[in-house]
C-alpha atoms as a PDB file:
ATOM      1  CA  MET A   1      23.935  20.386  80.033  1.00  0.00           C
ATOM      2  CA  TYR A   2      25.255  21.557  76.744  1.00  0.00           C
ATOM      3  CA  GLU A   3      24.908  25.019  75.600  1.00  0.00           C
ATOM      4  CA  LEU A   4      24.017  26.966  72.266  1.00  0.00           C
ATOM      5  CA  THR A   5      23.699  30.732  71.833  1.00  0.00           C
ATOM      6  CA  VAL A   6      21.109  32.418  69.185  1.00  0.00           C
ATOM      7  CA  TYR A   7      21.554  35.947  68.019  1.00  0.00           C
ATOM      8  CA  HIS A   8      18.100  37.516  67.910  1.00  0.00           C
ATOM      9  CA  PHE A   9      18.471  40.433  65.733  1.00  0.00           C
ATOM     10  CA  MET A  10      16.492  43.485  66.115  1.00  0.00           C
ATOM     11  CA  PRO A  11      13.684  42.041  68.363  1.00  0.00           C
ATOM     12  CA  ASP A  12      12.828  45.769  69.282  1.00  0.00           C
ATOM     13  CA  LYS A  13      11.588  46.404  65.778  1.00  0.00           C
ATOM     14  CA  LEU A  14      11.303  43.191  63.872  1.00  0.00           C
ATOM     15  CA  ASN A  15       8.275  41.307  65.706  1.00  0.00           C
ATOM     16  CA  LEU A  16       5.396  42.319  63.577  1.00  0.00           C
ATOM     17  CA  TYR A  17       3.508  38.962  64.024  1.00  0.00           C
ATOM     18  CA  SER A  18       4.794  37.693  67.297  1.00  0.00           C
ATOM     19  CA  ASP A  19       7.799  36.022  65.551  1.00  0.00           C
ATOM     20  CA  ILE A  20       9.423  35.917  69.105  1.00  0.00           C
ATOM     21  CA  GLY A  21       7.443  32.765  69.111  1.00  0.00           C
ATOM     22  CA  ASN A  22      10.301  31.118  67.076  1.00  0.00           C
ATOM     23  CA  ILE A  23      12.807  31.638  69.824  1.00  0.00           C
ATOM     24  CA  MET A  24      10.594  30.034  72.372  1.00  0.00           C
ATOM     25  CA  ALA A  25       9.989  27.036  70.093  1.00  0.00           C
ATOM     26  CA  LEU A  26      14.046  26.853  69.828  1.00  0.00           C
ATOM     27  CA  LYS A  27      14.380  27.255  73.576  1.00  0.00           C
ATOM     28  CA  PHE A  28      11.927  24.340  74.350  1.00  0.00           C
ATOM     29  CA  ARG A  29      12.953  21.846  71.608  1.00  0.00           C
ATOM     30  CA  ALA A  30      16.515  22.570  72.870  1.00  0.00           C
ATOM     31  CA  LYS A  31      15.720  21.873  76.543  1.00  0.00           C
ATOM     32  CA  GLN A  32      14.065  18.640  75.481  1.00  0.00           C
ATOM     33  CA  ARG A  33      17.357  17.546  74.246  1.00  0.00           C
ATOM     34  CA  ASN A  34      19.334  18.485  77.364  1.00  0.00           C
ATOM     35  CA  ILE A  35      20.717  21.715  75.540  1.00  0.00           C
ATOM     36  CA  LYS A  36      20.566  25.173  77.142  1.00  0.00           C
ATOM     37  CA  LEU A  37      19.778  27.756  74.438  1.00  0.00           C
ATOM     38  CA  ASN A  38      21.092  31.147  75.590  1.00  0.00           C
ATOM     39  CA  VAL A  39      19.576  34.078  73.569  1.00  0.00           C
ATOM     40  CA  VAL A  40      21.193  37.194  73.047  1.00  0.00           C
ATOM     41  CA  ASP A  41      19.186  40.331  71.680  1.00  0.00           C
ATOM     42  CA  ILE A  42      21.015  42.262  69.103  1.00  0.00           C
ATOM     43  CA  ASN A  43      19.619  45.731  68.769  1.00  0.00           C
ATOM     44  CA  GLU A  44      22.797  47.489  67.706  1.00  0.00           C
ATOM     45  CA  THR A  45      25.632  45.931  65.381  1.00  0.00           C
ATOM     46  CA  GLU A  46      28.496  47.665  66.426  1.00  0.00           C
ATOM     47  CA  ASN A  47      31.327  45.318  67.368  1.00  0.00           C
ATOM     48  CA  ILE A  48      29.175  42.308  66.866  1.00  0.00           C
ATOM     49  CA  ASP A  49      31.355  38.993  66.778  1.00  0.00           C
ATOM     50  CA  LEU A  50      28.956  36.475  64.752  1.00  0.00           C
ATOM     51  CA  SER A  51      31.539  33.748  65.698  1.00  0.00           C
ATOM     52  CA  LYS A  52      30.020  33.577  69.061  1.00  0.00           C
ATOM     53  CA  ALA A  53      26.691  32.598  67.593  1.00  0.00           C
ATOM     54  CA  ASP A  54      25.477  29.237  66.920  1.00  0.00           C
ATOM     55  CA  ILE A  55      22.128  30.257  65.160  1.00  0.00           C
ATOM     56  CA  PHE A  56      20.624  33.715  64.210  1.00  0.00           C
ATOM     57  CA  PHE A  57      17.220  34.988  63.702  1.00  0.00           C
ATOM     58  CA  ILE A  58      15.711  37.880  62.026  1.00  0.00           C
ATOM     59  CA  GLY A  59      12.178  38.394  62.226  1.00  0.00           C
ATOM     60  CA  GLY A  60       9.636  40.569  60.043  1.00  0.00           C
ATOM     61  CA  GLY A  61       8.643  44.257  60.533  1.00  0.00           C
ATOM     62  CA  SER A  62       6.937  47.013  58.872  1.00  0.00           C
ATOM     63  CA  ASP A  63       8.553  48.560  55.636  1.00  0.00           C
ATOM     64  CA  ARG A  64       9.736  51.451  57.781  1.00  0.00           C
ATOM     65  CA  GLU A  65      11.113  49.383  60.642  1.00  0.00           C
ATOM     66  CA  GLN A  66      12.718  46.826  58.225  1.00  0.00           C
ATOM     67  CA  ALA A  67      14.542  49.755  56.327  1.00  0.00           C
ATOM     68  CA  LEU A  68      16.036  50.648  59.873  1.00  0.00           C
ATOM     69  CA  ALA A  69      16.967  47.133  60.640  1.00  0.00           C
ATOM     70  CA  THR A  70      18.702  46.856  57.459  1.00  0.00           C
ATOM     71  CA  GLN A  71      20.898  49.922  57.756  1.00  0.00           C
ATOM     72  CA  ALA A  72      22.096  48.294  60.962  1.00  0.00           C
ATOM     73  CA  LEU A  73      22.881  45.206  59.321  1.00  0.00           C
ATOM     74  CA  LEU A  74      24.660  46.652  56.318  1.00  0.00           C
ATOM     75  CA  LYS A  75      27.219  47.233  58.780  1.00  0.00           C
ATOM     76  CA  ILE A  76      28.115  43.598  59.179  1.00  0.00           C
ATOM     77  CA  LYS A  77      27.045  42.233  55.904  1.00  0.00           C
ATOM     78  CA  LYS A  78      30.264  40.705  55.051  1.00  0.00           C
ATOM     79  CA  GLN A  79      30.611  39.117  58.493  1.00  0.00           C
ATOM     80  CA  LEU A  80      27.119  37.751  57.916  1.00  0.00           C
ATOM     81  CA  LYS A  81      27.587  36.603  54.442  1.00  0.00           C
ATOM     82  CA  ASP A  82      30.754  34.843  55.462  1.00  0.00           C
ATOM     83  CA  ALA A  83      28.930  33.128  58.606  1.00  0.00           C
ATOM     84  CA  ILE A  84      25.954  31.914  56.227  1.00  0.00           C
ATOM     85  CA  GLU A  85      28.630  30.569  53.711  1.00  0.00           C
ATOM     86  CA  ASP A  86      30.363  28.857  56.644  1.00  0.00           C
ATOM     87  CA  GLY A  87      27.316  27.036  57.485  1.00  0.00           C
ATOM     88  CA  LEU A  88      25.811  29.315  60.395  1.00  0.00           C
ATOM     89  CA  PRO A  89      22.225  28.077  60.822  1.00  0.00           C
ATOM     90  CA  GLY A  90      19.753  30.958  60.699  1.00  0.00           C
ATOM     91  CA  LEU A  91      15.986  31.598  60.270  1.00  0.00           C
ATOM     92  CA  THR A  92      14.681  34.931  58.466  1.00  0.00           C
ATOM     93  CA  VAL A  93      11.122  35.433  58.437  1.00  0.00           C
ATOM     94  CA  CYS A  94       9.098  38.037  55.910  1.00  0.00           C
ATOM     95  CA  GLY A  95      11.126  41.116  55.873  1.00  0.00           C
ATOM     96  CA  GLY A  96      14.419  39.495  57.344  1.00  0.00           C
ATOM     97  CA  TYR A  97      13.924  37.004  54.400  1.00  0.00           C
ATOM     98  CA  GLN A  98      13.404  39.753  51.747  1.00  0.00           C
ATOM     99  CA  PHE A  99      16.259  41.864  52.724  1.00  0.00           C
ATOM    100  CA  LEU A 100      19.036  39.127  52.364  1.00  0.00           C
ATOM    101  CA  GLY A 101      18.521  39.970  48.630  1.00  0.00           C
ATOM    102  CA  GLU A 102      19.829  42.500  46.225  1.00  0.00           C
ATOM    103  CA  LYS A 103      16.725  44.853  46.605  1.00  0.00           C
ATOM    104  CA  TYR A 104      13.216  45.500  47.758  1.00  0.00           C
ATOM    105  CA  ILE A 105      11.086  47.313  45.137  1.00  0.00           C
ATOM    106  CA  THR A 106       8.141  49.166  46.692  1.00  0.00           C
ATOM    107  CA  PRO A 107       4.746  49.562  44.994  1.00  0.00           C
ATOM    108  CA  ASP A 108       5.527  53.111  43.861  1.00  0.00           C
ATOM    109  CA  GLY A 109       8.829  51.636  42.050  1.00  0.00           C
ATOM    110  CA  GLN A 110      11.196  53.199  44.740  1.00  0.00           C
ATOM    111  CA  GLU A 111      14.139  50.453  45.297  1.00  0.00           C
ATOM    112  CA  LEU A 112      15.324  50.007  48.754  1.00  0.00           C
ATOM    113  CA  GLU A 113      18.900  48.175  48.943  1.00  0.00           C
ATOM    114  CA  GLY A 114      19.087  44.784  50.454  1.00  0.00           C
ATOM    115  CA  LEU A 115      22.108  43.212  52.156  1.00  0.00           C
ATOM    116  CA  HIS A 116      23.303  41.782  48.918  1.00  0.00           C
ATOM    117  CA  ILE A 117      24.079  38.393  50.903  1.00  0.00           C
ATOM    118  CA  LEU A 118      21.932  36.293  48.253  1.00  0.00           C
ATOM    119  CA  ASP A 119      21.398  37.041  44.447  1.00  0.00           C
ATOM    120  CA  PHE A 120      17.392  37.808  44.365  1.00  0.00           C
ATOM    121  CA  TYR A 121      15.058  40.592  44.654  1.00  0.00           C
ATOM    122  CA  THR A 122      11.549  41.154  46.127  1.00  0.00           C
ATOM    123  CA  GLU A 123       9.039  43.471  44.261  1.00  0.00           C
ATOM    124  CA  SER A 124       5.958  44.739  46.376  1.00  0.00           C
ATOM    125  CA  LYS A 125       2.482  45.298  45.167  1.00  0.00           C
ATOM    126  CA  GLU A 126      -0.533  46.958  46.752  1.00  0.00           C
ATOM    127  CA  ASP A 127      -2.580  43.761  46.997  1.00  0.00           C
ATOM    128  CA  ARG A 128      -1.319  41.364  49.599  1.00  0.00           C
ATOM    129  CA  LEU A 129      -1.029  37.529  49.691  1.00  0.00           C
ATOM    130  CA  THR A 130      -2.714  36.404  52.796  1.00  0.00           C
ATOM    131  CA  GLY A 131      -3.966  33.473  54.748  1.00  0.00           C
ATOM    132  CA  ASP A 132      -3.174  29.798  55.630  1.00  0.00           C
ATOM    133  CA  ILE A 133      -0.370  28.111  53.583  1.00  0.00           C
ATOM    134  CA  VAL A 134       0.403  24.292  53.121  1.00  0.00           C
ATOM    135  CA  ILE A 135       3.543  23.342  51.970  1.00  0.00           C
ATOM    136  CA  GLU A 136       4.997  19.829  50.958  1.00  0.00           C
ATOM    137  CA  SER A 137       8.796  19.570  51.273  1.00  0.00           C
ATOM    138  CA  GLU A 138      11.096  16.744  50.324  1.00  0.00           C
ATOM    139  CA  LYS A 139      13.256  17.336  53.251  1.00  0.00           C
ATOM    140  CA  PHE A 140      10.882  18.462  56.007  1.00  0.00           C
ATOM    141  CA  GLY A 141       7.501  16.879  55.026  1.00  0.00           C
ATOM    142  CA  THR A 142       4.456  19.019  55.311  1.00  0.00           C
ATOM    143  CA  ILE A 143       4.835  22.689  56.732  1.00  0.00           C
ATOM    144  CA  VAL A 144       2.081  24.971  57.491  1.00  0.00           C
ATOM    145  CA  GLY A 145       1.764  28.436  58.377  1.00  0.00           C
ATOM    146  CA  PHE A 146       0.196  31.951  57.850  1.00  0.00           C
ATOM    147  CA  GLU A 147       1.162  34.578  55.424  1.00  0.00           C
ATOM    148  CA  ASN A 148       0.553  38.041  55.116  1.00  0.00           C
ATOM    149  CA  HIS A 149       2.913  39.963  52.620  1.00  0.00           C
ATOM    150  CA  GLY A 150       2.803  42.222  49.861  1.00  0.00           C
ATOM    151  CA  GLY A 151       6.280  41.401  48.575  1.00  0.00           C
ATOM    152  CA  ARG A 152       6.960  38.687  45.663  1.00  0.00           C
ATOM    153  CA  THR A 153      10.266  37.150  45.862  1.00  0.00           C
ATOM    154  CA  TYR A 154      12.005  35.672  42.915  1.00  0.00           C
ATOM    155  CA  HIS A 155      15.311  33.555  43.098  1.00  0.00           C
ATOM    156  CA  HIS A 156      16.842  30.670  41.726  1.00  0.00           C
ATOM    157  CA  TYR A 157      17.888  28.889  45.036  1.00  0.00           C
ATOM    158  CA  ASP A 158      16.301  25.827  46.745  1.00  0.00           C
ATOM    159  CA  THR A 159      13.131  26.429  48.378  1.00  0.00           C
ATOM    160  CA  LEU A 160      11.375  25.023  51.417  1.00  0.00           C
ATOM    161  CA  GLY A 161       8.950  23.231  49.140  1.00  0.00           C
ATOM    162  CA  ASN A 162       5.760  23.206  46.966  1.00  0.00           C
ATOM    163  CA  VAL A 163       2.700  25.153  47.944  1.00  0.00           C
ATOM    164  CA  LYS A 164      -0.323  23.047  48.048  1.00  0.00           C
ATOM    165  CA  TYR A 165      -2.452  25.613  49.404  1.00  0.00           C
ATOM    166  CA  GLY A 166      -1.631  29.605  49.646  1.00  0.00           C
ATOM    167  CA  TYR A 167       0.795  31.557  47.693  1.00  0.00           C
ATOM    168  CA  GLY A 168       4.349  31.461  48.985  1.00  0.00           C
ATOM    169  CA  ASN A 169       7.327  33.471  47.584  1.00  0.00           C
ATOM    170  CA  ASN A 170       4.944  34.951  44.927  1.00  0.00           C
ATOM    171  CA  ASP A 171       1.569  34.396  43.228  1.00  0.00           C
ATOM    172  CA  THR A 172       3.064  32.477  40.209  1.00  0.00           C
ATOM    173  CA  GLU A 173       5.616  29.826  41.029  1.00  0.00           C
ATOM    174  CA  GLN A 174       3.734  28.026  43.842  1.00  0.00           C
ATOM    175  CA  LYS A 175       7.444  27.589  45.652  1.00  0.00           C
ATOM    176  CA  GLU A 176       7.926  28.900  49.276  1.00  0.00           C
ATOM    177  CA  GLY A 177      10.917  30.206  51.122  1.00  0.00           C
ATOM    178  CA  ILE A 178      14.603  29.746  50.532  1.00  0.00           C
ATOM    179  CA  HIS A 179      16.992  26.887  51.760  1.00  0.00           C
ATOM    180  CA  TYR A 180      20.542  27.662  51.213  1.00  0.00           C
ATOM    181  CA  LYS A 181      23.309  25.864  53.036  1.00  0.00           C
ATOM    182  CA  ASN A 182      21.988  25.965  56.756  1.00  0.00           C
ATOM    183  CA  LEU A 183      19.746  29.320  56.036  1.00  0.00           C
ATOM    184  CA  LEU A 184      15.910  29.005  56.008  1.00  0.00           C
ATOM    185  CA  GLY A 185      14.123  32.157  55.019  1.00  0.00           C
ATOM    186  CA  THR A 186      10.317  31.952  54.666  1.00  0.00           C
ATOM    187  CA  TYR A 187       7.064  34.130  54.554  1.00  0.00           C
ATOM    188  CA  LEU A 188       5.611  31.901  57.200  1.00  0.00           C
ATOM    189  CA  HIS A 189       4.294  33.814  60.396  1.00  0.00           C
ATOM    190  CA  GLY A 190       2.189  32.429  63.102  1.00  0.00           C
ATOM    191  CA  PRO A 191       5.041  31.961  64.190  1.00  0.00           C
ATOM    192  CA  VAL A 192       6.347  29.233  61.845  1.00  0.00           C
ATOM    193  CA  LEU A 193       8.488  27.106  64.477  1.00  0.00           C
ATOM    194  CA  PRO A 194       6.018  26.031  67.003  1.00  0.00           C
ATOM    195  CA  LYS A 195       3.916  24.593  64.307  1.00  0.00           C
ATOM    196  CA  ASN A 196       6.670  22.901  62.474  1.00  0.00           C
ATOM    197  CA  HIS A 197       9.021  20.953  64.892  1.00  0.00           C
ATOM    198  CA  GLU A 198      10.897  19.550  61.973  1.00  0.00           C
ATOM    199  CA  LEU A 199      12.359  23.145  60.853  1.00  0.00           C
ATOM    200  CA  THR A 200      13.100  23.504  64.548  1.00  0.00           C
ATOM    201  CA  ASP A 201      15.015  20.616  65.086  1.00  0.00           C
ATOM    202  CA  TYR A 202      16.838  21.350  61.549  1.00  0.00           C
ATOM    203  CA  LEU A 203      18.364  24.433  62.967  1.00  0.00           C
ATOM    204  CA  LEU A 204      19.220  22.901  66.251  1.00  0.00           C
ATOM    205  CA  GLU A 205      20.936  19.870  64.964  1.00  0.00           C
ATOM    206  CA  ALA A 206      23.042  22.047  62.318  1.00  0.00           C
ATOM    207  CA  ALA A 207      23.911  24.192  65.475  1.00  0.00           C
ATOM    208  CA  ALA A 208      24.921  21.302  67.479  1.00  0.00           C
ATOM    209  CA  LYS A 209      26.928  19.437  64.804  1.00  0.00           C
ATOM    210  CA  ARG A 210      29.005  22.678  64.068  1.00  0.00           C
ATOM    211  CA  LYS A 211      29.798  22.866  67.652  1.00  0.00           C
ATOM    212  CA  GLY A 212      30.475  19.160  68.327  1.00  0.00           C
ATOM    213  CA  ILE A 213      27.435  18.779  70.478  1.00  0.00           C
ATOM    214  CA  PRO A 214      25.794  15.334  70.543  1.00  0.00           C
ATOM    215  CA  PHE A 215      22.450  15.671  68.918  1.00  0.00           C
ATOM    216  CA  GLU A 216      20.257  12.671  69.612  1.00  0.00           C
ATOM    217  CA  PRO A 217      18.843  11.426  66.206  1.00  0.00           C
ATOM    218  CA  GLN A 218      15.640   9.797  67.737  1.00  0.00           C
ATOM    219  CA  LYS A 219      12.593  11.634  67.119  1.00  0.00           C
ATOM    220  CA  LEU A 220      10.889  13.250  70.418  1.00  0.00           C
ATOM    221  CA  ASP A 221       7.091  12.622  71.109  1.00  0.00           C
ATOM    222  CA  ASN A 222       5.663  14.902  68.588  1.00  0.00           C
ATOM    223  CA  THR A 223       2.040  13.582  69.008  1.00  0.00           C
ATOM    224  CA  VAL A 224       0.848  17.031  70.079  1.00  0.00           C
ATOM    225  CA  GLU A 225       2.538  19.067  67.418  1.00  0.00           C
ATOM    226  CA  GLU A 226       1.393  16.730  64.684  1.00  0.00           C
ATOM    227  CA  ALA A 227      -2.473  16.859  65.643  1.00  0.00           C
ATOM    228  CA  ALA A 228      -2.031  20.682  65.677  1.00  0.00           C
ATOM    229  CA  LYS A 229      -0.594  20.666  62.337  1.00  0.00           C
ATOM    230  CA  GLN A 230      -3.207  18.308  60.910  1.00  0.00           C
ATOM    231  CA  VAL A 231      -5.982  20.814  62.321  1.00  0.00           C
ATOM    232  CA  LEU A 232      -4.199  23.611  60.063  1.00  0.00           C
ATOM    233  CA  VAL A 233      -4.062  21.276  57.147  1.00  0.00           C
ATOM    234  CA  ASN A 234      -7.563  20.087  57.322  1.00  0.00           C
ATOM    235  CA  ARG A 235      -8.662  23.912  57.698  1.00  0.00           C
ATOM    236  CA  ALA A 236      -6.762  24.863  54.581  1.00  0.00           C
ATOM    237  CA  LEU A 237      -7.898  21.964  52.545  1.00  0.00           C
ATOM    238  CA  ASN A 238     -11.554  22.703  53.460  1.00  0.00           C
ATOM    239  CA  GLN A 239     -11.115  26.328  52.292  1.00  0.00           C
ATOM    240  CA  LYS A 240      -9.726  24.900  49.088  1.00  0.00           C
ATOM    241  CA  ALA A 241     -12.718  22.781  48.733  1.00  0.00           C
END
């Protein structure tokens, strides 16, 4: 059996909406393709060697916990930026997504330093953007999830797709997330990967290719996954109507 390693950053702080489910989805889909996924929890960033990671994951947390996590991640920001530029696949959710940018502006105007890995910023407001969300993506097809965030993120990079129901990055552009090289950033909780097998397989395939592991191109039987997704799409469309 082939093996891949995922670095799960700050699971003790960044699991606000049960985003650990994303790790479970990666393990399940990897096993279906005869790949063992080893999970390494990274709660401290001293002496971290990202060259040993095949995928990384950063979840979401409260503002306080996210600020603490960002201080730790600042210690390896160059290493993380270089790894992303080199094509390391990664998933970042909500706060983990926001703090990849230059800054996070709180509702009272305080600026919290980001990791400066990508050129964007997030401004938070008191009113939150919440509810089901449906996205149409040229690459991934239909993406579904749940969002609950005060932050409005603005950037010039490619996104995951166009919002058909819900809000996404902010309440004006009808775009959701970010797709930069093999990095995916999103506001979708729920968690996002169990609801969207296309995103899960994208990360696994990118990791496998970088490591020279064969990745079977044929689709798995996704009947159950697609049926569950359709329930969420129908619910959102009924709410819209």
